[in-house]
Every structure is written in structure tokens, then in C-alpha cells.
Protein backbone atom coordinates (compact mmCIF):
# COMPACT_ATOMS: atom_id res chain seq x y z
CA UNK A 1 0.00 0.00 0.00
CA UNK A 2 1.16 3.53 -0.77
CA UNK A 3 2.82 5.24 2.26
CA UNK A 4 0.80 8.42 1.67
CA UNK A 5 -2.46 6.47 1.92
CA UNK A 6 -1.24 4.79 5.09
CA UNK A 7 -0.64 8.19 6.64
CA UNK A 8 -4.09 9.39 5.60
CA UNK A 9 -5.77 6.35 7.18
CA UNK A 10 -3.88 6.95 10.44
CA UNK A 11 -5.06 10.56 10.53
CA UNK A 12 -8.67 9.50 9.86
CA UNK A 13 -8.44 6.86 12.59
CA UNK A 14 -6.99 9.38 15.06
CA UNK A 15 -9.72 11.89 14.22
CA UNK A 16 -12.47 9.29 14.68
CA UNK A 17 -10.91 8.23 18.00
CA UNK A 18 -10.85 11.85 19.24
CA UNK A 19 -14.44 12.45 18.09
CA UNK A 20 -15.55 9.21 19.77
CA UNK A 21 -13.85 10.17 23.03
CA UNK A 22 -15.34 13.67 22.90
CA UNK A 23 -18.83 12.21 22.34
CA UNK A 24 -18.34 9.75 25.20
CA UNK A 25 -17.30 12.57 27.55
CA UNK A 26 -20.20 14.75 26.40
CA UNK A 27 -22.73 11.96 26.98
CA UNK A 28 -21.21 11.10 30.37
CA UNK A 29 -21.06 14.65 31.74
CA UNK A 30 -23.94 15.80 33.93
CA UNK A 31 -25.15 19.29 33.09
CA UNK A 32 -27.58 21.46 35.02
CA UNK A 33 -28.78 25.00 34.50
CA UNK A 34 -27.00 27.47 36.84
CA UNK A 35 -28.90 27.88 40.08
CA UNK A 36 -30.80 31.17 40.20
CA UNK A 37 -30.70 32.55 43.73
CA UNK A 38 -33.07 35.50 43.34
CA UNK A 39 -36.52 34.42 44.53
CA UNK A 40 -35.44 30.83 45.30
CA UNK A 41 -35.88 29.16 48.66
CA UNK A 42 -32.82 27.56 50.30
CA UNK A 43 -33.19 25.34 53.36
CA UNK A 44 -29.94 25.07 55.35
CA UNK A 45 -29.28 22.72 58.25
CA UNK A 46 -26.63 23.81 60.73
CA UNK A 47 -27.33 27.34 59.57
CA UNK A 48 -26.66 29.13 62.85
CA UNK A 49 -22.86 29.05 62.60
CA UNK A 50 -19.85 28.11 60.49
CA UNK A 51 -20.32 27.03 56.88
CA UNK A 52 -24.13 26.95 57.14
CA UNK A 53 -24.31 30.56 58.32
CA UNK A 54 -21.93 31.74 55.59
CA UNK A 55 -24.06 29.95 52.99
CA UNK A 56 -27.20 31.57 54.35
CA UNK A 57 -25.68 35.06 54.27
CA UNK A 58 -24.35 34.67 50.73
CA UNK A 59 -27.67 33.33 49.47
CA UNK A 60 -29.47 36.27 51.08
CA UNK A 61 -27.04 38.71 49.45
CA UNK A 62 -28.03 37.20 46.11
CA UNK A 63 -31.76 37.66 46.69
CA UNK A 64 -32.77 34.23 47.96
CA UNK A 65 -35.30 33.36 50.65
CA UNK A 66 -33.48 31.46 53.37
CA UNK A 67 -34.50 29.05 56.11
CA UNK A 68 -31.96 27.96 58.71
CA UNK A 69 -32.32 25.23 61.31
CA UNK A 70 -30.17 24.22 64.28
CA UNK A 71 -30.73 23.21 67.86
CA UNK A 72 -29.74 26.32 69.86
CA UNK A 73 -32.32 29.10 69.79
CA UNK A 74 -29.91 31.83 70.91
CA UNK A 75 -27.49 31.07 68.07
CA UNK A 76 -30.38 30.91 65.61
CA UNK A 77 -31.65 34.33 66.70
CA UNK A 78 -28.18 35.82 66.33
CA UNK A 79 -27.74 34.20 62.90
CA UNK A 80 -31.16 35.47 61.83
CA UNK A 81 -30.15 39.03 62.63
CA UNK A 82 -26.90 38.69 60.66
CA UNK A 83 -28.72 37.32 57.62
CA UNK A 84 -31.39 40.04 57.77
CA UNK A 85 -28.67 42.71 57.62
CA UNK A 86 -27.21 41.46 54.34
CA UNK A 87 -30.28 40.42 52.37
CA UNK A 88 -30.65 42.05 48.99
CA UNK A 89 -34.18 43.42 49.41
CA UNK A 90 -36.76 43.69 52.17
CA UNK A 91 -39.24 41.32 50.53
CA UNK A 92 -36.95 38.32 51.11
CA UNK A 93 -37.98 35.87 53.81
CA UNK A 94 -35.48 34.72 56.42
CA UNK A 95 -36.92 32.00 58.64
CA UNK A 96 -35.45 29.93 61.44
CA UNK A 97 -36.58 26.84 63.32
CA UNK A 98 -35.07 25.09 66.30
CA UNK A 99 -35.01 21.38 65.58
CA UNK A 100 -32.99 18.21 65.92
CA UNK A 101 -31.99 17.02 62.44
CA UNK A 102 -31.55 13.48 63.76
CA UNK A 103 -35.28 13.37 64.53
CA UNK A 104 -37.32 12.72 61.36
CA UNK A 105 -40.48 14.32 62.74
CA UNK A 106 -38.59 17.47 63.81
CA UNK A 107 -36.86 18.08 60.48
CA UNK A 108 -39.98 17.18 58.48
CA UNK A 109 -42.08 19.70 60.42
CA UNK A 110 -39.46 22.41 59.85
CA UNK A 111 -39.22 21.72 56.12
CA UNK A 112 -42.99 21.60 55.69
CA UNK A 113 -43.45 24.84 57.64
CA UNK A 114 -40.75 26.65 55.68
CA UNK A 115 -42.09 25.39 52.34
CA UNK A 116 -45.58 26.61 53.26
CA UNK A 117 -44.15 30.12 53.78
CA UNK A 118 -42.39 29.93 50.39
CA UNK A 119 -45.11 28.92 47.89
CA UNK A 120 -44.59 25.24 48.73
CA UNK A 121 -41.07 25.28 47.33
CA UNK A 122 -37.72 23.87 48.43
CA UNK A 123 -35.30 24.87 45.67
CA UNK A 124 -32.07 23.89 47.40
CA UNK A 125 -31.26 21.77 50.43
CA UNK A 126 -27.84 22.44 51.97
CA UNK A 127 -26.98 19.96 54.73
CA UNK A 128 -24.29 21.51 56.91
CA UNK A 129 -25.29 20.24 60.36
CA UNK A 130 -22.62 18.06 61.88
CA UNK A 131 -20.78 17.00 65.00
CA UNK A 132 -17.29 15.68 65.51
CA UNK A 133 -15.75 12.97 67.62
CA UNK A 134 -11.95 12.87 67.80
CA UNK A 135 -10.79 9.90 69.83
CA UNK A 136 -9.05 6.68 69.03
CA UNK A 137 -11.73 4.17 68.17
CA UNK A 138 -10.75 1.99 71.13
CA UNK A 139 -11.71 4.92 73.39
CA UNK A 140 -15.10 5.46 71.72
CA UNK A 141 -18.40 4.29 73.15
CA UNK A 142 -21.57 3.07 71.47
CA UNK A 143 -23.19 6.40 72.43
CA UNK A 144 -20.44 8.34 70.65
CA UNK A 145 -20.91 6.29 67.49
CA UNK A 146 -24.70 6.57 67.57
CA UNK A 147 -24.64 10.35 68.08
CA UNK A 148 -22.14 11.07 65.28
CA UNK A 149 -23.96 8.84 62.78
CA UNK A 150 -27.37 10.18 63.82
CA UNK A 151 -26.46 13.80 63.11
CA UNK A 152 -23.84 13.59 60.35
CA UNK A 153 -25.54 10.91 58.24
CA UNK A 154 -29.11 10.37 59.44
CA UNK A 155 -29.67 14.13 59.75
CA UNK A 156 -28.80 14.63 56.08
CA UNK A 157 -30.81 11.59 54.97
CA UNK A 158 -33.89 12.69 56.95
CA UNK A 159 -33.72 16.25 55.60
CA UNK A 160 -33.46 14.82 52.08
CA UNK A 161 -36.42 12.53 52.70
CA UNK A 162 -38.53 15.51 53.79
CA UNK A 163 -37.43 17.87 51.00
CA UNK A 164 -37.62 15.48 48.04
CA UNK A 165 -41.42 15.52 47.60
CA UNK A 166 -41.24 19.26 46.91
CA UNK A 167 -38.31 18.96 44.51
CA UNK A 168 -39.88 16.04 42.63
CA UNK A 169 -43.10 18.00 42.21
CA UNK A 170 -41.10 20.98 40.90
CA UNK A 171 -39.03 18.63 38.65
CA UNK A 172 -36.05 20.64 39.80
CA UNK A 173 -33.79 21.10 42.82
CA UNK A 174 -30.27 21.11 44.21
CA UNK A 175 -28.88 19.17 47.17
CA UNK A 176 -25.45 19.73 48.72
CA UNK A 177 -24.03 17.65 51.58
CA UNK A 178 -21.17 19.14 53.58
CA UNK A 179 -18.93 16.14 54.12
CA UNK A 180 -15.19 16.50 54.68
CA UNK A 181 -11.79 15.64 53.31
CA UNK A 182 -12.10 12.88 55.93
CA UNK A 183 -15.07 11.61 53.94
CA UNK A 184 -12.50 10.60 51.31
CA UNK A 185 -9.58 9.42 53.45
CA UNK A 186 -9.11 7.77 56.81
CA UNK A 187 -7.10 9.49 59.53
CA UNK A 188 -6.18 8.11 62.97
CA UNK A 189 -8.25 9.70 65.71
CA UNK A 190 -11.19 10.28 63.39
CA UNK A 191 -12.43 6.71 62.80
CA UNK A 192 -16.04 7.34 63.83
CA UNK A 193 -16.20 10.75 62.17
CA UNK A 194 -14.69 9.35 58.95
CA UNK A 195 -17.31 6.61 58.90
CA UNK A 196 -20.14 9.14 59.08
CA UNK A 197 -18.65 11.35 56.36
CA UNK A 198 -17.76 8.45 54.04
CA UNK A 199 -21.41 7.39 54.33
CA UNK A 200 -22.52 10.74 52.90
CA UNK A 201 -20.33 10.26 49.83
CA UNK A 202 -21.83 6.84 49.02
CA UNK A 203 -25.34 8.14 49.71
CA UNK A 204 -24.81 11.03 47.31
CA UNK A 205 -23.38 8.82 44.55
CA UNK A 206 -26.49 6.64 44.65
CA UNK A 207 -28.81 9.63 44.68
CA UNK A 208 -27.18 11.12 41.57
CA UNK A 209 -28.70 8.29 39.52
CA UNK A 210 -31.97 7.99 41.46
CA UNK A 211 -32.77 11.69 41.20
CA UNK A 212 -31.55 12.26 37.65
CA UNK A 213 -35.06 11.69 36.16
CA UNK A 214 -36.33 14.60 38.25
CA UNK A 215 -33.59 17.09 37.28
CA UNK A 216 -32.31 17.22 40.88
CA UNK A 217 -28.57 17.78 41.26
CA UNK A 218 -26.58 16.25 44.12
CA UNK A 219 -23.14 17.40 45.30
CA UNK A 220 -20.75 16.70 48.19
CA UNK A 221 -18.43 19.34 49.66
CA UNK A 222 -15.16 17.90 51.00
CA UNK A 223 -13.22 20.70 52.75
CA UNK A 224 -10.19 20.03 54.91
CA UNK A 225 -10.13 21.51 58.45
CA UNK A 226 -12.44 24.52 58.70
CA UNK A 227 -12.11 27.29 61.26
CA UNK A 228 -15.43 26.73 63.07
CA UNK A 229 -16.55 26.18 66.68
CA UNK A 230 -16.56 22.44 65.91
CA UNK A 231 -12.86 22.57 65.00
CA UNK A 232 -12.10 24.28 68.32
CA UNK A 233 -13.89 21.45 70.13
CA UNK A 234 -11.83 18.86 68.26
CA UNK A 235 -8.59 20.33 69.60
CA UNK A 236 -9.57 19.38 73.16
CA UNK A 237 -9.59 15.63 72.54
CA UNK A 238 -7.22 14.99 69.61
CA UNK A 239 -4.75 12.15 70.21
CA UNK A 240 -1.08 13.14 69.83
CA UNK A 241 -0.71 11.28 66.51
CA UNK A 242 -3.63 13.28 65.06
CA UNK A 243 -2.09 16.55 66.20
CA UNK A 244 1.23 15.53 64.66
CA UNK A 245 -0.43 14.77 61.32
CA UNK A 246 -2.21 18.12 61.29
CA UNK A 247 0.76 20.13 62.52
CA UNK A 248 1.28 23.23 60.38
CA UNK A 249 -2.07 22.90 58.62
CA UNK A 250 -4.04 26.12 58.82
CA UNK A 251 -7.82 25.63 58.85
CA UNK A 252 -9.65 27.33 56.00
CA UNK A 253 -12.27 30.00 56.79
CA UNK A 254 -15.92 28.88 56.44
CA UNK A 255 -16.49 31.67 53.90
CA UNK A 256 -14.05 29.95 51.52
CA UNK A 257 -16.01 26.69 51.73
CA UNK A 258 -19.27 28.58 51.25
CA UNK A 259 -17.92 30.34 48.16
CA UNK A 260 -16.88 27.00 46.63
CA UNK A 261 -20.36 25.56 47.24
CA UNK A 262 -22.01 28.63 45.69
CA UNK A 263 -19.79 28.24 42.60
CA UNK A 264 -20.77 24.57 42.34
CA UNK A 265 -24.44 25.52 42.38
CA UNK A 266 -23.84 27.97 39.56
CA UNK A 267 -21.59 25.60 37.58
CA UNK A 268 -22.39 22.05 38.63
CA UNK A 269 -19.80 19.71 40.01
CA UNK A 270 -20.34 16.60 42.11
CA UNK A 271 -17.33 16.74 44.44
CA UNK A 272 -16.64 20.25 45.76
CA UNK A 273 -13.08 20.55 47.11
CA UNK A 274 -11.66 23.41 49.16
CA UNK A 275 -7.89 23.69 49.45
CA UNK A 276 -5.03 21.87 47.76
CA UNK A 277 -5.21 18.69 49.88
CA UNK A 278 -8.93 18.43 49.29
CA UNK A 279 -8.52 18.94 45.53
CA UNK A 280 -5.78 16.31 45.26
CA UNK A 281 -7.54 13.62 47.31
CA UNK A 282 -10.91 14.24 45.60
CA UNK A 283 -9.29 13.63 42.21
CA UNK A 284 -7.60 10.45 43.41
CA UNK A 285 -10.86 9.25 45.00
CA UNK A 286 -13.15 10.04 42.07
CA UNK A 287 -15.18 6.85 42.53
CA UNK A 288 -18.50 6.49 40.70
CA UNK A 289 -19.50 10.13 40.93
CA UNK A 290 -20.05 12.22 37.77
CA UNK A 291 -17.21 14.37 36.47
CA UNK A 292 -16.92 17.64 34.58
CA UNK A 293 -15.24 17.81 31.17
CA UNK A 294 -12.07 19.14 32.81
CA UNK A 295 -12.11 16.37 35.44
CA UNK A 296 -12.49 13.74 32.71
CA UNK A 297 -9.23 14.98 31.24
CA UNK A 298 -7.23 15.54 34.43
CA UNK A 299 -8.29 12.76 36.81
CA UNK A 300 -6.62 9.87 34.93
CA UNK A 301 -3.32 11.75 35.11
CA UNK A 302 -3.64 13.08 38.66
CA UNK A 303 -4.84 9.79 40.14
CA UNK A 304 -1.64 7.97 39.13
CA UNK A 305 0.75 10.59 40.48
CA UNK A 306 -1.40 11.33 43.50
CA UNK A 307 -1.61 7.67 44.46
CA UNK A 308 2.16 7.61 44.92
CA UNK A 309 1.91 10.61 47.24
CA UNK A 310 -0.88 9.20 49.42
CA UNK A 311 0.84 5.81 49.80
CA UNK A 312 3.70 7.69 51.49
CA UNK A 313 1.29 9.73 53.62
CA UNK A 314 -0.58 6.61 54.74
CA UNK A 315 2.73 5.03 55.80
CA UNK A 316 3.49 8.18 57.81
CA UNK A 317 0.11 7.88 59.56
CA UNK A 318 0.97 4.31 60.61
CA UNK A 319 4.41 5.29 61.88
CA UNK A 320 2.97 8.13 63.96
CA UNK A 321 0.31 5.85 65.43
CA UNK A 322 2.95 3.31 66.35
CA UNK A 323 5.25 5.88 67.96
CA UNK A 324 2.40 7.48 69.97
CA UNK A 325 1.16 4.14 71.25
């Protein structure tokens, strides 16, 4: 065969391969319309402090109606005042309810009441309520495990269960779970907490498919340490090996996490990282979640290199645990 024809066939084959890959990526990429904040109703658990409060304030700045829930009434009242000060116009509704997210009846009543005040709509559910437990697993109790799972996982599942009927009826909605970098990787001292946050990731991956027919987007935020009251509580009980691992790591401000979640609502992505560590580990741990066009291109490369890095880090974790025990 003529060499020139051979070259032409190779070019045609390469072009067809590129077009086929591009079509595969296009068909595999989840796309949603950017979330419109003005006039929408956002329901935020854990909205009286930290990431939840920052999300509520930013949504109010953009013209959204906001409902926050938490357990402490004093904190809720303070948060309500802060949100009222920054809302875009006076017609916006800012509601608050004291409830226990780990109680299905409590969270259902709050969601139903807030929807009734907002034309029977729940446009976005942002699950930020959470508790921490930083002890070696051998020092944990059944009560510790039950409490962390009840709030971190059950609380998000129950809120979703209560909000979904509204979103399905609207044929539209957005759900974001605030997990953690420790929902992607295990760290000594955080065994129980990691279990609860890993659960959110698997829950979200399953919901992506289940809720796709209803045009409901699902995302998981995976920030590293965040400068919140919960982080301050963690410092009181951290084992020495955990402190050694985190030495020199500066917690990110909750506003940074909130901004990343807002961006993900406007330009959909499934895993929402904050910080370099979070970005690296989320790319290595891509799992079965959907990916953006950019992630389709970068994750195969990053996962190989990143895996070499985390193997070394995991070995360091084991050495520190051994030396501290």
C-alpha cells in the first residue's frame, strides 16, 4: 500500500478516535442550569454558625429566601439578625426553626413549615449540620458512634427525605451535603467521624442516579479543616498522633467553603473541594461520581501521580500511630 495512503488512514483513525472520546465525555457529563438565587428558597441545616451561616448570608445577598435550622435558639436568633442585615431586598424571607436534624419528625415539620411560607417550594437543600468525635476508636463508646452517625448521616438523609417531595413535584432542585476531606480518606483519631462522612459520599453517589429523572442535582463538599466552633472542640480531645499529622495545617475560613459551594451551584460539580489537599484527594478518590469535562481529562493523570503521594502519607500515619502508642 502507498505510504501516503497509510498516513491518511492513520489521521482519519486518530480523528475518529478523538471524536468518539469527545462524544463519550459529552454523553457522560452531567449538566444542570446554573442555580438562580433571586426568589429561590434555600433550606440550610446547621445554619446558625460556620459554613451553614456563611451559605445563608451569601444566598441572602443574592436575593434568595433562606430558612436555617439548628438546635440552639440563641445562636439561631443571632444568625437570623446577621442574615437580615445582608439580604438584597426587604421582601426576602429569612426563617429559622429550632429542631434536631436526627429526629425525622422534627426536620420534616421544619421543612414543611418553611415550604408553606415559600409557595410550597424547596429549591435547594444544603446539609451543613454536623458534630465531631476525635478519639481513638478503642476509646469510643456506642453512644459516641450513635450520636455522630445520627447527626452527620441520618440528619442529612432525613432532611433529604422531607425535602424530596417538593423537589420532585417541581421537577427541579439542588442538594449539597457538607462532608469533609475525611469523607474521602481515613485518619487516625477520626475513625467514627470518617465513617459518618464516608457514608454521605456513598449516599450522594447513589442519589445522583436515582434523582436524575427529576432534574435534581446532588453534590458533596469535602473541605479540609475549617475554622469553626466544631474545629475548636476537636482540639480538646485529639490524640497526639492526630495533632502531629495536622501540625502546620491552617484551617480554612468557612467563607471559603461557602464560596466554593455557591460556585458549584452555579456551575455544577459533584465533588466540591476546598484547598489543595482536598482537591488532590478528591481527584484520586473520584469513585463512581459524575465528572466535569475538565475532570475527565485531568483525573486519569492526577490519580496515578497522586496515588504515589498518598501511599507515602498513609505510611506516615501508621508510623505516627505506632510511635504514639
